[in-house]
C-alpha atoms as a PDB file:
ATOM      1  CA  UNK A   1      10.530 -10.464 -24.167  1.00  0.00           C
ATOM      2  CA  UNK A   2      10.001  -7.484 -26.406  1.00  0.00           C
ATOM      3  CA  UNK A   3      11.760  -4.447 -24.927  1.00  0.00           C
ATOM      4  CA  UNK A   4       8.546  -2.428 -25.012  1.00  0.00           C
ATOM      5  CA  UNK A   5       7.001  -4.827 -22.474  1.00  0.00           C
ATOM      6  CA  UNK A   6       9.893  -4.862 -20.001  1.00  0.00           C
ATOM      7  CA  UNK A   7       8.584  -1.743 -18.284  1.00  0.00           C
ATOM      8  CA  UNK A   8       5.186  -3.295 -17.595  1.00  0.00           C
ATOM      9  CA  UNK A   9       3.772  -4.654 -14.360  1.00  0.00           C
ATOM     10  CA  UNK A  10       1.233  -7.456 -14.228  1.00  0.00           C
ATOM     11  CA  UNK A  11      -1.825  -6.831 -12.062  1.00  0.00           C
ATOM     12  CA  UNK A  12      -3.523 -10.128 -11.281  1.00  0.00           C
ATOM     13  CA  UNK A  13      -6.205 -11.371  -8.917  1.00  0.00           C
ATOM     14  CA  UNK A  14      -9.921 -10.792  -9.401  1.00  0.00           C
ATOM     15  CA  UNK A  15     -10.476  -7.944  -6.917  1.00  0.00           C
ATOM     16  CA  UNK A  16      -7.286  -6.118  -7.902  1.00  0.00           C
ATOM     17  CA  UNK A  17      -8.110  -6.183 -11.611  1.00  0.00           C
ATOM     18  CA  UNK A  18     -11.779  -5.357 -11.009  1.00  0.00           C
ATOM     19  CA  UNK A  19     -10.832  -2.234  -9.026  1.00  0.00           C
ATOM     20  CA  UNK A  20      -8.239  -1.247 -11.625  1.00  0.00           C
ATOM     21  CA  UNK A  21     -10.827  -1.601 -14.419  1.00  0.00           C
ATOM     22  CA  UNK A  22     -13.385   0.426 -12.475  1.00  0.00           C
ATOM     23  CA  UNK A  23     -11.103   3.219 -11.260  1.00  0.00           C
ATOM     24  CA  UNK A  24      -8.300   3.506 -13.810  1.00  0.00           C
ATOM     25  CA  UNK A  25      -9.002   1.554 -17.010  1.00  0.00           C
ATOM     26  CA  UNK A  26      -6.794   4.028 -18.889  1.00  0.00           C
ATOM     27  CA  UNK A  27      -3.753   2.455 -17.200  1.00  0.00           C
ATOM     28  CA  UNK A  28      -4.369  -0.946 -18.813  1.00  0.00           C
ATOM     29  CA  UNK A  29      -2.324  -1.553 -21.956  1.00  0.00           C
ATOM     30  CA  UNK A  30      -3.095  -5.297 -22.367  1.00  0.00           C
ATOM     31  CA  UNK A  31      -5.670  -7.588 -20.790  1.00  0.00           C
ATOM     32  CA  UNK A  32      -5.809 -11.389 -20.644  1.00  0.00           C
ATOM     33  CA  UNK A  33      -8.609 -13.455 -19.161  1.00  0.00           C
ATOM     34  CA  UNK A  34      -9.966 -16.974 -18.768  1.00  0.00           C
ATOM     35  CA  UNK A  35     -13.311 -17.920 -20.288  1.00  0.00           C
ATOM     36  CA  UNK A  36     -15.208 -17.780 -17.003  1.00  0.00           C
ATOM     37  CA  UNK A  37     -14.230 -14.098 -16.611  1.00  0.00           C
ATOM     38  CA  UNK A  38     -15.345 -12.918 -20.064  1.00  0.00           C
ATOM     39  CA  UNK A  39     -18.827 -11.739 -19.051  1.00  0.00           C
ATOM     40  CA  UNK A  40     -17.640  -9.934 -15.926  1.00  0.00           C
ATOM     41  CA  UNK A  41     -15.046  -7.893 -17.835  1.00  0.00           C
ATOM     42  CA  UNK A  42     -17.079  -7.278 -20.975  1.00  0.00           C
ATOM     43  CA  UNK A  43     -17.199  -3.508 -20.421  1.00  0.00           C
ATOM     44  CA  UNK A  44     -13.422  -3.384 -20.022  1.00  0.00           C
ATOM     45  CA  UNK A  45     -12.968  -5.278 -23.278  1.00  0.00           C
ATOM     46  CA  UNK A  46     -15.231  -2.776 -25.053  1.00  0.00           C
ATOM     47  CA  UNK A  47     -13.221   0.093 -23.553  1.00  0.00           C
ATOM     48  CA  UNK A  48      -9.934  -1.440 -24.721  1.00  0.00           C
ATOM     49  CA  UNK A  49     -11.331  -2.199 -28.176  1.00  0.00           C
ATOM     50  CA  UNK A  50     -12.340   1.436 -28.638  1.00  0.00           C
ATOM     51  CA  UNK A  51      -8.759   2.450 -27.860  1.00  0.00           C
ATOM     52  CA  UNK A  52      -7.238  -0.289 -30.012  1.00  0.00           C
ATOM     53  CA  UNK A  53      -5.572  -1.979 -27.049  1.00  0.00           C
ATOM     54  CA  UNK A  54      -5.006  -5.706 -26.836  1.00  0.00           C
ATOM     55  CA  UNK A  55      -7.399  -7.943 -24.923  1.00  0.00           C
ATOM     56  CA  UNK A  56      -7.532 -11.703 -25.362  1.00  0.00           C
ATOM     57  CA  UNK A  57      -9.176 -14.844 -24.067  1.00  0.00           C
ATOM     58  CA  UNK A  58      -6.481 -17.331 -23.056  1.00  0.00           C
ATOM     59  CA  UNK A  59      -6.767 -21.072 -23.482  1.00  0.00           C
ATOM     60  CA  UNK A  60      -4.916 -22.239 -20.384  1.00  0.00           C
ATOM     61  CA  UNK A  61      -4.043 -21.158 -16.867  1.00  0.00           C
ATOM     62  CA  UNK A  62      -0.374 -21.700 -17.661  1.00  0.00           C
ATOM     63  CA  UNK A  63      -0.454 -18.728 -20.027  1.00  0.00           C
ATOM     64  CA  UNK A  64      -1.779 -16.478 -17.258  1.00  0.00           C
ATOM     65  CA  UNK A  65       0.807 -17.870 -14.859  1.00  0.00           C
ATOM     66  CA  UNK A  66       3.564 -17.033 -17.326  1.00  0.00           C
ATOM     67  CA  UNK A  67       2.271 -13.470 -17.738  1.00  0.00           C
ATOM     68  CA  UNK A  68       2.118 -12.634 -14.034  1.00  0.00           C
ATOM     69  CA  UNK A  69       4.572 -15.128 -12.525  1.00  0.00           C
ATOM     70  CA  UNK A  70       1.993 -16.502 -10.112  1.00  0.00           C
ATOM     71  CA  UNK A  71      -0.548 -19.295  -9.845  1.00  0.00           C
ATOM     72  CA  UNK A  72      -2.807 -16.875  -7.954  1.00  0.00           C
ATOM     73  CA  UNK A  73      -4.037 -14.936 -10.984  1.00  0.00           C
ATOM     74  CA  UNK A  74      -7.711 -15.938 -10.458  1.00  0.00           C
ATOM     75  CA  UNK A  75      -8.314 -15.931 -14.180  1.00  0.00           C
ATOM     76  CA  UNK A  76      -7.322 -12.348 -15.019  1.00  0.00           C
ATOM     77  CA  UNK A  77      -4.111 -10.450 -15.768  1.00  0.00           C
ATOM     78  CA  UNK A  78      -3.969  -6.764 -16.700  1.00  0.00           C
ATOM     79  CA  UNK A  79      -0.695  -5.234 -17.847  1.00  0.00           C
ATOM     80  CA  UNK A  80       0.051  -1.642 -16.873  1.00  0.00           C
ATOM     81  CA  UNK A  81       3.093   0.607 -17.176  1.00  0.00           C
ATOM     82  CA  UNK A  82       5.450   0.143 -14.256  1.00  0.00           C
ATOM     83  CA  UNK A  83       4.093   2.567 -11.626  1.00  0.00           C
ATOM     84  CA  UNK A  84       6.292   5.500 -10.760  1.00  0.00           C
ATOM     85  CA  UNK A  85       6.557   6.514  -7.119  1.00  0.00           C
ATOM     86  CA  UNK A  86       6.892  10.236  -6.550  1.00  0.00           C
ATOM     87  CA  UNK A  87       9.414  11.625  -4.088  1.00  0.00           C
ATOM     88  CA  UNK A  88       7.953  13.177  -0.974  1.00  0.00           C
ATOM     89  CA  UNK A  89       8.220  16.959  -0.822  1.00  0.00           C
ATOM     90  CA  UNK A  90       7.712  19.483   1.949  1.00  0.00           C
ATOM     91  CA  UNK A  91       4.672  20.856   0.133  1.00  0.00           C
ATOM     92  CA  UNK A  92       3.008  17.435   0.411  1.00  0.00           C
ATOM     93  CA  UNK A  93       3.556  17.428   4.170  1.00  0.00           C
ATOM     94  CA  UNK A  94       2.311  20.986   4.498  1.00  0.00           C
ATOM     95  CA  UNK A  95      -0.820  20.075   2.552  1.00  0.00           C
ATOM     96  CA  UNK A  96      -1.398  17.073   4.803  1.00  0.00           C
ATOM     97  CA  UNK A  97      -1.178  19.291   7.871  1.00  0.00           C
ATOM     98  CA  UNK A  98      -3.789  21.679   6.478  1.00  0.00           C
ATOM     99  CA  UNK A  99      -6.083  18.750   5.668  1.00  0.00           C
ATOM    100  CA  UNK A 100      -5.574  16.899   8.938  1.00  0.00           C
ATOM    101  CA  UNK A 101      -4.454  13.886   6.897  1.00  0.00           C
ATOM    102  CA  UNK A 102      -3.627  10.438   8.221  1.00  0.00           C
ATOM    103  CA  UNK A 103      -0.436   8.954   6.762  1.00  0.00           C
ATOM    104  CA  UNK A 104       1.395   5.624   7.036  1.00  0.00           C
ATOM    105  CA  UNK A 105       5.187   5.448   6.879  1.00  0.00           C
ATOM    106  CA  UNK A 106       6.770   2.087   6.009  1.00  0.00           C
ATOM    107  CA  UNK A 107      10.274   1.869   7.463  1.00  0.00           C
ATOM    108  CA  UNK A 108      12.042  -0.847   5.416  1.00  0.00           C
ATOM    109  CA  UNK A 109       9.101  -3.268   5.267  1.00  0.00           C
ATOM    110  CA  UNK A 110      10.690  -5.999   3.212  1.00  0.00           C
ATOM    111  CA  UNK A 111       7.851  -8.311   2.203  1.00  0.00           C
ATOM    112  CA  UNK A 112       5.713  -7.271  -0.766  1.00  0.00           C
ATOM    113  CA  UNK A 113       2.759  -9.269   0.599  1.00  0.00           C
ATOM    114  CA  UNK A 114       2.924  -7.292   3.836  1.00  0.00           C
ATOM    115  CA  UNK A 115       3.076  -4.038   1.881  1.00  0.00           C
ATOM    116  CA  UNK A 116       0.016  -5.107  -0.102  1.00  0.00           C
ATOM    117  CA  UNK A 117      -1.874  -6.012   3.071  1.00  0.00           C
ATOM    118  CA  UNK A 118      -1.034  -2.636   4.611  1.00  0.00           C
ATOM    119  CA  UNK A 119      -2.295  -0.877   1.482  1.00  0.00           C
ATOM    120  CA  UNK A 120      -5.522  -2.882   1.662  1.00  0.00           C
ATOM    121  CA  UNK A 121      -6.082  -1.855   5.293  1.00  0.00           C
ATOM    122  CA  UNK A 122      -5.270   1.779   4.544  1.00  0.00           C
ATOM    123  CA  UNK A 123      -7.815   1.885   1.728  1.00  0.00           C
ATOM    124  CA  UNK A 124     -10.441   0.147   3.870  1.00  0.00           C
ATOM    125  CA  UNK A 125     -10.097   2.744   6.626  1.00  0.00           C
ATOM    126  CA  UNK A 126      -9.824   5.726   4.290  1.00  0.00           C
ATOM    127  CA  UNK A 127      -6.122   6.468   4.702  1.00  0.00           C
ATOM    128  CA  UNK A 128      -5.007   7.799   1.324  1.00  0.00           C
ATOM    129  CA  UNK A 129      -1.264   8.473   1.720  1.00  0.00           C
ATOM    130  CA  UNK A 130       1.541   5.988   2.281  1.00  0.00           C
ATOM    131  CA  UNK A 131       5.241   6.833   2.367  1.00  0.00           C
ATOM    132  CA  UNK A 132       7.837   4.107   1.846  1.00  0.00           C
ATOM    133  CA  UNK A 133      11.498   4.402   2.737  1.00  0.00           C
ATOM    134  CA  UNK A 134      14.055   4.436  -0.042  1.00  0.00           C
ATOM    135  CA  UNK A 135      16.433   1.709   1.133  1.00  0.00           C
ATOM    136  CA  UNK A 136      17.032  -1.362  -1.016  1.00  0.00           C
ATOM    137  CA  UNK A 137      15.443  -3.527   1.694  1.00  0.00           C
ATOM    138  CA  UNK A 138      12.076  -1.774   1.307  1.00  0.00           C
ATOM    139  CA  UNK A 139       9.499  -3.757  -0.691  1.00  0.00           C
ATOM    140  CA  UNK A 140       8.299  -2.155  -3.909  1.00  0.00           C
ATOM    141  CA  UNK A 141       5.107  -2.339  -5.974  1.00  0.00           C
ATOM    142  CA  UNK A 142       4.973  -5.858  -7.393  1.00  0.00           C
ATOM    143  CA  UNK A 143       2.259  -8.127  -8.818  1.00  0.00           C
ATOM    144  CA  UNK A 144       1.909  -9.796  -5.414  1.00  0.00           C
ATOM    145  CA  UNK A 145       1.566  -6.427  -3.632  1.00  0.00           C
ATOM    146  CA  UNK A 146      -1.229  -5.464  -6.038  1.00  0.00           C
ATOM    147  CA  UNK A 147      -2.964  -8.819  -5.613  1.00  0.00           C
ATOM    148  CA  UNK A 148      -2.799  -8.818  -1.813  1.00  0.00           C
ATOM    149  CA  UNK A 149      -4.038  -5.208  -1.732  1.00  0.00           C
ATOM    150  CA  UNK A 150      -7.316  -6.546  -3.222  1.00  0.00           C
ATOM    151  CA  UNK A 151      -8.010  -3.362  -5.174  1.00  0.00           C
ATOM    152  CA  UNK A 152      -6.815  -1.007  -2.441  1.00  0.00           C
ATOM    153  CA  UNK A 153      -3.949   0.179  -4.631  1.00  0.00           C
ATOM    154  CA  UNK A 154      -6.406   2.276  -6.667  1.00  0.00           C
ATOM    155  CA  UNK A 155      -7.422   4.363  -3.647  1.00  0.00           C
ATOM    156  CA  UNK A 156      -4.075   5.384  -2.171  1.00  0.00           C
ATOM    157  CA  UNK A 157      -1.048   7.405  -3.292  1.00  0.00           C
ATOM    158  CA  UNK A 158       2.439   6.156  -2.517  1.00  0.00           C
ATOM    159  CA  UNK A 159       5.404   8.458  -1.983  1.00  0.00           C
ATOM    160  CA  UNK A 160       9.072   7.669  -1.428  1.00  0.00           C
ATOM    161  CA  UNK A 161      11.423   9.207   1.142  1.00  0.00           C
ATOM    162  CA  UNK A 162      15.199   8.638   1.267  1.00  0.00           C
ATOM    163  CA  UNK A 163      14.672   7.005   4.680  1.00  0.00           C
ATOM    164  CA  UNK A 164      12.181   6.975   7.518  1.00  0.00           C
ATOM    165  CA  UNK A 165      14.470   9.289   9.486  1.00  0.00           C
ATOM    166  CA  UNK A 166      14.595  11.811   6.628  1.00  0.00           C
ATOM    167  CA  UNK A 167      10.808  11.887   6.382  1.00  0.00           C
ATOM    168  CA  UNK A 168      10.284  12.198  10.139  1.00  0.00           C
ATOM    169  CA  UNK A 169      12.715  15.115  10.328  1.00  0.00           C
ATOM    170  CA  UNK A 170      10.846  16.864   7.512  1.00  0.00           C
ATOM    171  CA  UNK A 171       7.494  16.162   9.158  1.00  0.00           C
ATOM    172  CA  UNK A 172       8.519  17.690  12.489  1.00  0.00           C
ATOM    173  CA  UNK A 173       6.000  20.335  13.509  1.00  0.00           C
ATOM    174  CA  UNK A 174       3.575  19.315  10.748  1.00  0.00           C
ATOM    175  CA  UNK A 175       2.464  15.797  11.675  1.00  0.00           C
ATOM    176  CA  UNK A 176       2.116  13.994  14.989  1.00  0.00           C
ATOM    177  CA  UNK A 177       4.701  11.220  14.605  1.00  0.00           C
ATOM    178  CA  UNK A 178       3.580   7.945  16.198  1.00  0.00           C
ATOM    179  CA  UNK A 179       5.892   4.942  16.145  1.00  0.00           C
ATOM    180  CA  UNK A 180       4.573   1.387  16.413  1.00  0.00           C
ATOM    181  CA  UNK A 181       6.844  -0.367  18.933  1.00  0.00           C
ATOM    182  CA  UNK A 182       5.911  -3.482  20.919  1.00  0.00           C
ATOM    183  CA  UNK A 183       8.233  -2.334  23.735  1.00  0.00           C
ATOM    184  CA  UNK A 184       6.539   1.054  24.144  1.00  0.00           C
ATOM    185  CA  UNK A 185       4.994   2.203  27.404  1.00  0.00           C
ATOM    186  CA  UNK A 186       1.823   3.699  25.934  1.00  0.00           C
ATOM    187  CA  UNK A 187      -0.966   1.619  24.415  1.00  0.00           C
ATOM    188  CA  UNK A 188      -2.758   1.990  21.083  1.00  0.00           C
ATOM    189  CA  UNK A 189      -5.838   2.800  23.174  1.00  0.00           C
ATOM    190  CA  UNK A 190      -4.196   6.150  23.994  1.00  0.00           C
ATOM    191  CA  UNK A 191      -4.230   7.358  20.377  1.00  0.00           C
ATOM    192  CA  UNK A 192      -7.423   9.444  20.843  1.00  0.00           C
ATOM    193  CA  UNK A 193      -5.585  11.405  23.551  1.00  0.00           C
ATOM    194  CA  UNK A 194      -2.486  11.766  21.353  1.00  0.00           C
ATOM    195  CA  UNK A 195      -4.103  12.954  18.116  1.00  0.00           C
ATOM    196  CA  UNK A 196      -6.949  15.430  17.852  1.00  0.00           C
ATOM    197  CA  UNK A 197      -9.787  14.718  15.441  1.00  0.00           C
ATOM    198  CA  UNK A 198      -8.612  17.341  12.927  1.00  0.00           C
ATOM    199  CA  UNK A 199      -4.867  16.907  13.481  1.00  0.00           C
ATOM    200  CA  UNK A 200      -2.518  15.414  10.885  1.00  0.00           C
ATOM    201  CA  UNK A 201      -0.637  12.310  11.988  1.00  0.00           C
ATOM    202  CA  UNK A 202       1.699   9.637  10.679  1.00  0.00           C
ATOM    203  CA  UNK A 203       1.998   6.064  11.928  1.00  0.00           C
ATOM    204  CA  UNK A 204       5.468   4.541  11.518  1.00  0.00           C
ATOM    205  CA  UNK A 205       5.482   0.796  10.801  1.00  0.00           C
ATOM    206  CA  UNK A 206       8.843  -0.946  11.003  1.00  0.00           C
ATOM    207  CA  UNK A 207      10.704  -3.820   9.404  1.00  0.00           C
ATOM    208  CA  UNK A 208       9.294  -7.314   9.986  1.00  0.00           C
ATOM    209  CA  UNK A 209      12.358  -8.497  11.910  1.00  0.00           C
ATOM    210  CA  UNK A 210      13.963  -5.401  13.405  1.00  0.00           C
ATOM    211  CA  UNK A 211      11.081  -2.948  13.747  1.00  0.00           C
ATOM    212  CA  UNK A 212      11.601   0.793  13.442  1.00  0.00           C
ATOM    213  CA  UNK A 213      15.219   1.914  13.225  1.00  0.00           C
ATOM    214  CA  UNK A 214      16.663   3.420  16.438  1.00  0.00           C
ATOM    215  CA  UNK A 215      17.186   6.735  14.640  1.00  0.00           C
ATOM    216  CA  UNK A 216      13.535   6.826  13.532  1.00  0.00           C
ATOM    217  CA  UNK A 217      12.332   5.965  17.035  1.00  0.00           C
ATOM    218  CA  UNK A 218      14.131   8.984  18.443  1.00  0.00           C
ATOM    219  CA  UNK A 219      12.318  11.196  15.942  1.00  0.00           C
ATOM    220  CA  UNK A 220       8.836   9.966  16.885  1.00  0.00           C
ATOM    221  CA  UNK A 221       6.759  12.175  19.169  1.00  0.00           C
ATOM    222  CA  UNK A 222       5.409   9.082  20.900  1.00  0.00           C
ATOM    223  CA  UNK A 223       5.855   5.312  20.731  1.00  0.00           C
ATOM    224  CA  UNK A 224       2.770   3.115  21.028  1.00  0.00           C
ATOM    225  CA  UNK A 225       2.299  -0.631  21.440  1.00  0.00           C
ATOM    226  CA  UNK A 226      -0.508  -3.093  20.846  1.00  0.00           C
ATOM    227  CA  UNK A 227      -0.873  -4.943  24.160  1.00  0.00           C
ATOM    228  CA  UNK A 228      -1.376  -8.696  23.969  1.00  0.00           C
ATOM    229  CA  UNK A 229      -1.359 -11.772  26.178  1.00  0.00           C
ATOM    230  CA  UNK A 230       2.416 -12.115  26.072  1.00  0.00           C
ATOM    231  CA  UNK A 231       2.236 -15.538  24.423  1.00  0.00           C
ATOM    232  CA  UNK A 232       4.049 -14.101  21.399  1.00  0.00           C
ATOM    233  CA  UNK A 233       6.129 -10.953  21.292  1.00  0.00           C
ATOM    234  CA  UNK A 234       4.266  -9.000  18.616  1.00  0.00           C
ATOM    235  CA  UNK A 235       1.877  -9.080  15.679  1.00  0.00           C
ATOM    236  CA  UNK A 236       2.889  -9.314  12.056  1.00  0.00           C
ATOM    237  CA  UNK A 237       3.467  -5.789  10.726  1.00  0.00           C
ATOM    238  CA  UNK A 238       0.477  -6.026   8.378  1.00  0.00           C
ATOM    239  CA  UNK A 239      -1.798  -7.059  11.256  1.00  0.00           C
ATOM    240  CA  UNK A 240      -0.438  -4.243  13.388  1.00  0.00           C
ATOM    241  CA  UNK A 241      -0.977  -1.821  10.525  1.00  0.00           C
ATOM    242  CA  UNK A 242      -4.650  -2.788  10.354  1.00  0.00           C
ATOM    243  CA  UNK A 243      -5.154  -2.041  14.055  1.00  0.00           C
ATOM    244  CA  UNK A 244      -3.390   1.322  13.786  1.00  0.00           C
ATOM    245  CA  UNK A 245      -5.482   2.276  10.738  1.00  0.00           C
ATOM    246  CA  UNK A 246      -8.595   1.372  12.699  1.00  0.00           C
ATOM    247  CA  UNK A 247      -7.450   3.433  15.698  1.00  0.00           C
ATOM    248  CA  UNK A 248      -6.909   6.504  13.514  1.00  0.00           C
ATOM    249  CA  UNK A 249     -10.316   6.014  11.893  1.00  0.00           C
ATOM    250  CA  UNK A 250     -11.910   5.901  15.359  1.00  0.00           C
ATOM    251  CA  UNK A 251     -10.359   9.279  16.202  1.00  0.00           C
ATOM    252  CA  UNK A 252     -12.100  10.700  13.121  1.00  0.00           C
ATOM    253  CA  UNK A 253     -15.427   9.352  14.333  1.00  0.00           C
END
């Protein structure tokens, strides 16, 4: 592969590419599409033509699969520069406190599909900030994360902290720190009594297998569980994230 293209990321999947084209077409450096998508993305092709950027009808699905590394391209692949993730700073946290922001913190979530699903839920419920931990085990922004996010990636900002513990220490006194823990005493139903309508808060979502780290748990102001029937121990982290996003949105209402 040409060196100039090694720093690109492939965004594939109909909803993901449609949202990217609508919200941030300037990010797209190259665009490839199947014949049945030509009419839908005509405006994007005109935009790219005006800026002398490559767009091309492909002759086979295999070409799209090669570009994005997935059979789930749904007939479209848009190439963008590899997204940079900005480091979290105290001024971000201070701003969130003044705005009464809702934030998600991903503590070593390892599956890119889960990260994408969490981003989708956050965008759906109007949560605009997500912090990911900086360990090697933490999933990053990948084609599958973009695809599973179903366009939600265009409506959130992602920040990186050295670790969940480092972020929670920095957020002390600024955000209400709520840890998702299936062993907790308090229920998700208690969130309206934990967070005021105009108060800034962060939900901590833990690793798929191990949950939140013990050190991060100790730094949470409160631990909250999603009660179930007991047939299985807990929900998938992406499912749990959806319910926590919904609970925070209800506090706003």
